[in-house]
């Protein structure tokens, strides 16, 4: 879950639930607790989030620093 400014132009808009107010956060949280997530849902989410992992970020930084 994220607010609009945080998620905008990241490519994660379809992966994350967007909530911009306290009321939206509470409502989305309640809805998500009732939703069943399949292995396929989890795999899809992990694949989408991989570019944002600390490991991927560190590799990108090393490539920039050491021009690899």
PDB file of N, CA and C in Angstrom:
ATOM      1  N   UNK A   1       0.848  -1.153   0.000  1.00  0.00           N
ATOM      2  CA  UNK A   1       0.000   0.000   0.000  1.00  0.00           C
ATOM      3  C   UNK A   1       0.904   1.229   0.000  1.00  0.00           C
ATOM      4  N   UNK A   2       0.510   2.198  -0.805  1.00  0.00           N
ATOM      5  CA  UNK A   2       1.293   3.427  -0.897  1.00  0.00           C
ATOM      6  C   UNK A   2       0.363   4.569  -1.287  1.00  0.00           C
ATOM      7  N   UNK A   3       0.841   5.800  -1.069  1.00  0.00           N
ATOM      8  CA  UNK A   3       0.046   6.930  -1.530  1.00  0.00           C
ATOM      9  C   UNK A   3       0.462   7.287  -2.957  1.00  0.00           C
ATOM     10  N   UNK A   4      -0.337   8.083  -3.621  1.00  0.00           N
ATOM     11  CA  UNK A   4      -0.112   8.405  -5.033  1.00  0.00           C
ATOM     12  C   UNK A   4       1.265   9.003  -5.320  1.00  0.00           C
ATOM     13  N   UNK A   5       1.706  10.020  -4.557  1.00  0.00           N
ATOM     14  CA  UNK A   5       3.021  10.596  -4.870  1.00  0.00           C
ATOM     15  C   UNK A   5       4.171   9.589  -4.744  1.00  0.00           C
ATOM     16  N   UNK A   6       4.070   8.668  -3.807  1.00  0.00           N
ATOM     17  CA  UNK A   6       5.132   7.690  -3.596  1.00  0.00           C
ATOM     18  C   UNK A   6       5.226   6.706  -4.752  1.00  0.00           C
ATOM     19  N   UNK A   7       4.115   6.327  -5.318  1.00  0.00           N
ATOM     20  CA  UNK A   7       4.062   5.258  -6.305  1.00  0.00           C
ATOM     21  C   UNK A   7       4.092   5.770  -7.751  1.00  0.00           C
ATOM     22  N   UNK A   8       3.814   7.045  -7.931  1.00  0.00           N
ATOM     23  CA  UNK A   8       3.705   7.636  -9.267  1.00  0.00           C
ATOM     24  C   UNK A   8       4.969   7.419 -10.103  1.00  0.00           C
ATOM     25  N   UNK A   9       4.763   6.968 -11.335  1.00  0.00           N
ATOM     26  CA  UNK A   9       5.843   6.759 -12.313  1.00  0.00           C
ATOM     27  C   UNK A   9       6.887   5.728 -11.883  1.00  0.00           C
ATOM     28  N   UNK A  10       6.496   4.754 -11.082  1.00  0.00           N
ATOM     29  CA  UNK A  10       7.433   3.704 -10.669  1.00  0.00           C
ATOM     30  C   UNK A  10       7.216   2.413 -11.437  1.00  0.00           C
ATOM     31  N   UNK A  11       6.051   2.304 -12.083  1.00  0.00           N
ATOM     32  CA  UNK A  11       5.701   1.052 -12.734  1.00  0.00           C
ATOM     33  C   UNK A  11       5.014   0.090 -11.782  1.00  0.00           C
ATOM     34  N   UNK A  12       4.834   0.513 -10.548  1.00  0.00           N
ATOM     35  CA  UNK A  12       4.211  -0.351  -9.539  1.00  0.00           C
ATOM     36  C   UNK A  12       2.740  -0.011  -9.291  1.00  0.00           C
ATOM     37  N   UNK A  13       2.207   0.897 -10.085  1.00  0.00           N
ATOM     38  CA  UNK A  13       0.838   1.345  -9.866  1.00  0.00           C
ATOM     39  C   UNK A  13      -0.170   0.192  -9.865  1.00  0.00           C
ATOM     40  N   UNK A  14       0.034  -0.783 -10.739  1.00  0.00           N
ATOM     41  CA  UNK A  14      -0.909  -1.904 -10.816  1.00  0.00           C
ATOM     42  C   UNK A  14      -0.619  -2.975  -9.763  1.00  0.00           C
ATOM     43  N   UNK A  15       0.523  -2.889  -9.117  1.00  0.00           N
ATOM     44  CA  UNK A  15       0.911  -3.886  -8.119  1.00  0.00           C
ATOM     45  C   UNK A  15       0.505  -3.468  -6.712  1.00  0.00           C
ATOM     46  N   UNK A  16       0.521  -2.180  -6.455  1.00  0.00           N
ATOM     47  CA  UNK A  16       0.236  -1.674  -5.114  1.00  0.00           C
ATOM     48  C   UNK A  16      -1.194  -1.167  -4.990  1.00  0.00           C
ATOM     49  N   UNK A  17      -1.692  -1.226  -3.784  1.00  0.00           N
ATOM     50  CA  UNK A  17      -2.965  -0.594  -3.455  1.00  0.00           C
ATOM     51  C   UNK A  17      -2.646   0.854  -3.117  1.00  0.00           C
ATOM     52  N   UNK A  18      -3.385   1.780  -3.699  1.00  0.00           N
ATOM     53  CA  UNK A  18      -3.131   3.197  -3.479  1.00  0.00           C
ATOM     54  C   UNK A  18      -4.167   3.741  -2.504  1.00  0.00           C
ATOM     55  N   UNK A  19      -3.672   4.409  -1.469  1.00  0.00           N
ATOM     56  CA  UNK A  19      -4.534   5.026  -0.462  1.00  0.00           C
ATOM     57  C   UNK A  19      -3.918   6.364  -0.073  1.00  0.00           C
ATOM     58  N   UNK A  20      -4.709   7.414  -0.163  1.00  0.00           N
ATOM     59  CA  UNK A  20      -4.187   8.757   0.073  1.00  0.00           C
ATOM     60  C   UNK A  20      -4.697   9.429   1.345  1.00  0.00           C
ATOM     61  N   UNK A  21      -5.533   8.754   2.083  1.00  0.00           N
ATOM     62  CA  UNK A  21      -6.037   9.332   3.331  1.00  0.00           C
ATOM     63  C   UNK A  21      -6.119   8.242   4.395  1.00  0.00           C
ATOM     64  N   UNK A  22      -6.284   8.673   5.621  1.00  0.00           N
ATOM     65  CA  UNK A  22      -6.405   7.725   6.728  1.00  0.00           C
ATOM     66  C   UNK A  22      -7.589   6.781   6.486  1.00  0.00           C
ATOM     67  N   UNK A  23      -8.689   7.346   6.014  1.00  0.00           N
ATOM     68  CA  UNK A  23      -9.883   6.539   5.756  1.00  0.00           C
ATOM     69  C   UNK A  23      -9.625   5.499   4.671  1.00  0.00           C
ATOM     70  N   UNK A  24      -8.948   5.902   3.583  1.00  0.00           N
ATOM     71  CA  UNK A  24      -8.634   4.969   2.502  1.00  0.00           C
ATOM     72  C   UNK A  24      -7.697   3.864   2.986  1.00  0.00           C
ATOM     73  N   UNK A  25      -6.731   4.222   3.805  1.00  0.00           N
ATOM     74  CA  UNK A  25      -5.788   3.229   4.341  1.00  0.00           C
ATOM     75  C   UNK A  25      -6.539   2.196   5.174  1.00  0.00           C
ATOM     76  N   UNK A  26      -7.420   2.659   6.043  1.00  0.00           N
ATOM     77  CA  UNK A  26      -8.191   1.736   6.884  1.00  0.00           C
ATOM     78  C   UNK A  26      -9.083   0.828   6.043  1.00  0.00           C
ATOM     79  N   UNK A  27      -9.743   1.403   5.057  1.00  0.00           N
ATOM     80  CA  UNK A  27     -10.646   0.627   4.200  1.00  0.00           C
ATOM     81  C   UNK A  27      -9.872  -0.405   3.378  1.00  0.00           C
ATOM     82  N   UNK A  28      -8.763   0.020   2.767  1.00  0.00           N
ATOM     83  CA  UNK A  28      -7.950  -0.897   1.954  1.00  0.00           C
ATOM     84  C   UNK A  28      -7.349  -2.000   2.821  1.00  0.00           C
ATOM     85  N   UNK A  29      -6.915  -1.649   4.028  1.00  0.00           N
ATOM     86  CA  UNK A  29      -6.348  -2.645   4.935  1.00  0.00           C
ATOM     87  C   UNK A  29      -7.385  -3.709   5.265  1.00  0.00           C
ATOM     88  N   UNK A  30      -8.582  -3.278   5.569  1.00  0.00           N
ATOM     89  CA  UNK A  30      -9.659  -4.221   5.876  1.00  0.00           C
ATOM     90  C   UNK A  30      -9.942  -5.131   4.677  1.00  0.00           C
ATOM     91  N   UNK A  31      -9.997  -4.555   3.501  1.00  0.00           N
ATOM     92  CA  UNK A  31     -10.247  -5.330   2.285  1.00  0.00           C
ATOM     93  C   UNK A  31      -9.124  -6.328   2.026  1.00  0.00           C
ATOM     94  N   UNK A  32      -7.885  -5.883   2.181  1.00  0.00           N
ATOM     95  CA  UNK A  32      -6.742  -6.759   1.908  1.00  0.00           C
ATOM     96  C   UNK A  32      -6.645  -7.913   2.898  1.00  0.00           C
ATOM     97  N   UNK A  33      -7.028  -7.681   4.147  1.00  0.00           N
ATOM     98  CA  UNK A  33      -6.999  -8.765   5.132  1.00  0.00           C
ATOM     99  C   UNK A  33      -7.985  -9.872   4.775  1.00  0.00           C
ATOM    100  N   UNK A  34      -9.013  -9.528   4.033  1.00  0.00           N
ATOM    101  CA  UNK A  34     -10.023 -10.510   3.643  1.00  0.00           C
ATOM    102  C   UNK A  34      -9.699 -11.196   2.321  1.00  0.00           C
ATOM    103  N   UNK A  35      -8.748 -10.657   1.584  1.00  0.00           N
ATOM    104  CA  UNK A  35      -8.408 -11.195   0.267  1.00  0.00           C
ATOM    105  C   UNK A  35      -7.439 -12.373   0.401  1.00  0.00           C
ATOM    106  N   UNK A  36      -7.684 -13.394  -0.391  1.00  0.00           N
ATOM    107  CA  UNK A  36      -6.755 -14.524  -0.436  1.00  0.00           C
ATOM    108  C   UNK A  36      -5.721 -14.266  -1.522  1.00  0.00           C
ATOM    109  N   UNK A  37      -4.465 -14.480  -1.172  1.00  0.00           N
ATOM    110  CA  UNK A  37      -3.389 -14.322  -2.134  1.00  0.00           C
ATOM    111  C   UNK A  37      -2.888 -15.701  -2.533  1.00  0.00           C
ATOM    112  N   UNK A  38      -2.781 -15.931  -3.831  1.00  0.00           N
ATOM    113  CA  UNK A  38      -2.301 -17.212  -4.335  1.00  0.00           C
ATOM    114  C   UNK A  38      -0.789 -17.166  -4.498  1.00  0.00           C
ATOM    115  N   UNK A  39      -0.201 -18.322  -4.714  1.00  0.00           N
ATOM    116  CA  UNK A  39       1.241 -18.380  -4.994  1.00  0.00           C
ATOM    117  C   UNK A  39       1.557 -17.553  -6.235  1.00  0.00           C
ATOM    118  N   UNK A  40       0.671 -17.600  -7.220  1.00  0.00           N
ATOM    119  CA  UNK A  40       0.866 -16.835  -8.458  1.00  0.00           C
ATOM    120  C   UNK A  40       0.877 -15.331  -8.163  1.00  0.00           C
ATOM    121  N   UNK A  41      -0.019 -14.878  -7.284  1.00  0.00           N
ATOM    122  CA  UNK A  41      -0.046 -13.465  -6.881  1.00  0.00           C
ATOM    123  C   UNK A  41       1.278 -13.068  -6.241  1.00  0.00           C
ATOM    124  N   UNK A  42       1.767 -13.921  -5.364  1.00  0.00           N
ATOM    125  CA  UNK A  42       3.014 -13.639  -4.643  1.00  0.00           C
ATOM    126  C   UNK A  42       4.194 -13.607  -5.608  1.00  0.00           C
ATOM    127  N   UNK A  43       4.268 -14.570  -6.516  1.00  0.00           N
ATOM    128  CA  UNK A  43       5.356 -14.609  -7.501  1.00  0.00           C
ATOM    129  C   UNK A  43       5.339 -13.366  -8.385  1.00  0.00           C
ATOM    130  N   UNK A  44       4.155 -12.981  -8.829  1.00  0.00           N
ATOM    131  CA  UNK A  44       4.011 -11.786  -9.675  1.00  0.00           C
ATOM    132  C   UNK A  44       4.506 -10.545  -8.933  1.00  0.00           C
ATOM    133  N   UNK A  45       4.122 -10.433  -7.671  1.00  0.00           N
ATOM    134  CA  UNK A  45       4.519  -9.283  -6.858  1.00  0.00           C
ATOM    135  C   UNK A  45       6.031  -9.248  -6.638  1.00  0.00           C
ATOM    136  N   UNK A  46       6.608 -10.405  -6.326  1.00  0.00           N
ATOM    137  CA  UNK A  46       8.057 -10.478  -6.112  1.00  0.00           C
ATOM    138  C   UNK A  46       8.822 -10.106  -7.375  1.00  0.00           C
ATOM    139  N   UNK A  47       8.341 -10.559  -8.516  1.00  0.00           N
ATOM    140  CA  UNK A  47       8.987 -10.238  -9.793  1.00  0.00           C
ATOM    141  C   UNK A  47       8.946  -8.730 -10.055  1.00  0.00           C
ATOM    142  N   UNK A  48       7.794  -8.110  -9.784  1.00  0.00           N
ATOM    143  CA  UNK A  48       7.646  -6.668  -9.991  1.00  0.00           C
ATOM    144  C   UNK A  48       8.524  -5.864  -9.038  1.00  0.00           C
ATOM    145  N   UNK A  49       8.722  -6.381  -7.817  1.00  0.00           N
ATOM    146  CA  UNK A  49       9.467  -5.640  -6.798  1.00  0.00           C
ATOM    147  C   UNK A  49      10.980  -5.850  -6.864  1.00  0.00           C
ATOM    148  N   UNK A  50      11.432  -6.846  -7.608  1.00  0.00           N
ATOM    149  CA  UNK A  50      12.864  -7.161  -7.671  1.00  0.00           C
ATOM    150  C   UNK A  50      13.738  -5.945  -8.013  1.00  0.00           C
ATOM    151  N   UNK A  51      13.359  -5.116  -8.997  1.00  0.00           N
ATOM    152  CA  UNK A  51      14.204  -3.947  -9.296  1.00  0.00           C
ATOM    153  C   UNK A  51      14.352  -2.965  -8.135  1.00  0.00           C
ATOM    154  N   UNK A  52      13.495  -3.082  -7.128  1.00  0.00           N
ATOM    155  CA  UNK A  52      13.527  -2.162  -5.996  1.00  0.00           C
ATOM    156  C   UNK A  52      14.196  -2.769  -4.766  1.00  0.00           C
ATOM    157  N   UNK A  53      14.752  -3.963  -4.905  1.00  0.00           N
ATOM    158  CA  UNK A  53      15.375  -4.627  -3.759  1.00  0.00           C
ATOM    159  C   UNK A  53      16.706  -3.964  -3.417  1.00  0.00           C
ATOM    160  N   UNK A  54      17.124  -4.028  -2.154  1.00  0.00           N
ATOM    161  CA  UNK A  54      18.422  -3.465  -1.763  1.00  0.00           C
ATOM    162  C   UNK A  54      19.572  -4.099  -2.545  1.00  0.00           C
ATOM    163  N   UNK A  55      19.477  -5.390  -2.829  1.00  0.00           N
ATOM    164  CA  UNK A  55      20.534  -6.073  -3.580  1.00  0.00           C
ATOM    165  C   UNK A  55      20.661  -5.502  -4.991  1.00  0.00           C
ATOM    166  N   UNK A  56      19.539  -5.307  -5.657  1.00  0.00           N
ATOM    167  CA  UNK A  56      19.559  -4.744  -7.006  1.00  0.00           C
ATOM    168  C   UNK A  56      20.090  -3.315  -6.982  1.00  0.00           C
ATOM    169  N   UNK A  57      19.668  -2.535  -5.997  1.00  0.00           N
ATOM    170  CA  UNK A  57      20.137  -1.155  -5.876  1.00  0.00           C
ATOM    171  C   UNK A  57      21.640  -1.114  -5.636  1.00  0.00           C
ATOM    172  N   UNK A  58      22.145  -2.005  -4.794  1.00  0.00           N
ATOM    173  CA  UNK A  58      23.584  -2.058  -4.516  1.00  0.00           C
ATOM    174  C   UNK A  58      24.366  -2.417  -5.777  1.00  0.00           C
ATOM    175  N   UNK A  59      23.858  -3.369  -6.552  1.00  0.00           N
ATOM    176  CA  UNK A  59      24.530  -3.750  -7.799  1.00  0.00           C
ATOM    177  C   UNK A  59      24.579  -2.577  -8.770  1.00  0.00           C
ATOM    178  N   UNK A  60      23.473  -1.837  -8.868  1.00  0.00           N
ATOM    179  CA  UNK A  60      23.438  -0.662  -9.749  1.00  0.00           C
ATOM    180  C   UNK A  60      24.454   0.383  -9.296  1.00  0.00           C
ATOM    181  N   UNK A  61      24.532   0.595  -7.984  1.00  0.00           N
ATOM    182  CA  UNK A  61      25.488   1.569  -7.455  1.00  0.00           C
ATOM    183  C   UNK A  61      26.921   1.145  -7.753  1.00  0.00           C
ATOM    184  N   UNK A  62      27.208  -0.145  -7.590  1.00  0.00           N
ATOM    185  CA  UNK A  62      28.559  -0.641  -7.867  1.00  0.00           C
ATOM    186  C   UNK A  62      28.908  -0.469  -9.343  1.00  0.00           C
ATOM    187  N   UNK A  63      27.941  -0.729 -10.222  1.00  0.00           N
ATOM    188  CA  UNK A  63      28.182  -0.549 -11.653  1.00  0.00           C
ATOM    189  C   UNK A  63      28.509   0.905 -11.967  1.00  0.00           C
ATOM    190  N   UNK A  64      27.789   1.813 -11.332  1.00  0.00           N
ATOM    191  CA  UNK A  64      28.032   3.236 -11.562  1.00  0.00           C
ATOM    192  C   UNK A  64      29.392   3.644 -11.002  1.00  0.00           C
ATOM    193  N   UNK A  65      29.665   3.238  -9.771  1.00  0.00           N
ATOM    194  CA  UNK A  65      30.912   3.627  -9.108  1.00  0.00           C
ATOM    195  C   UNK A  65      32.129   3.033  -9.805  1.00  0.00           C
ATOM    196  N   UNK A  66      32.052   1.749 -10.136  1.00  0.00           N
ATOM    197  CA  UNK A  66      33.209   1.058 -10.700  1.00  0.00           C
ATOM    198  C   UNK A  66      33.139   0.896 -12.212  1.00  0.00           C
ATOM    199  N   UNK A  67      32.113   1.483 -12.825  1.00  0.00           N
ATOM    200  CA  UNK A  67      31.936   1.466 -14.287  1.00  0.00           C
ATOM    201  C   UNK A  67      32.068   0.064 -14.863  1.00  0.00           C
ATOM    202  N   UNK A  68      31.354  -0.883 -14.276  1.00  0.00           N
ATOM    203  CA  UNK A  68      31.407  -2.279 -14.734  1.00  0.00           C
ATOM    204  C   UNK A  68      30.335  -2.546 -15.747  1.00  0.00           C
TER     205      UNK A  68
END
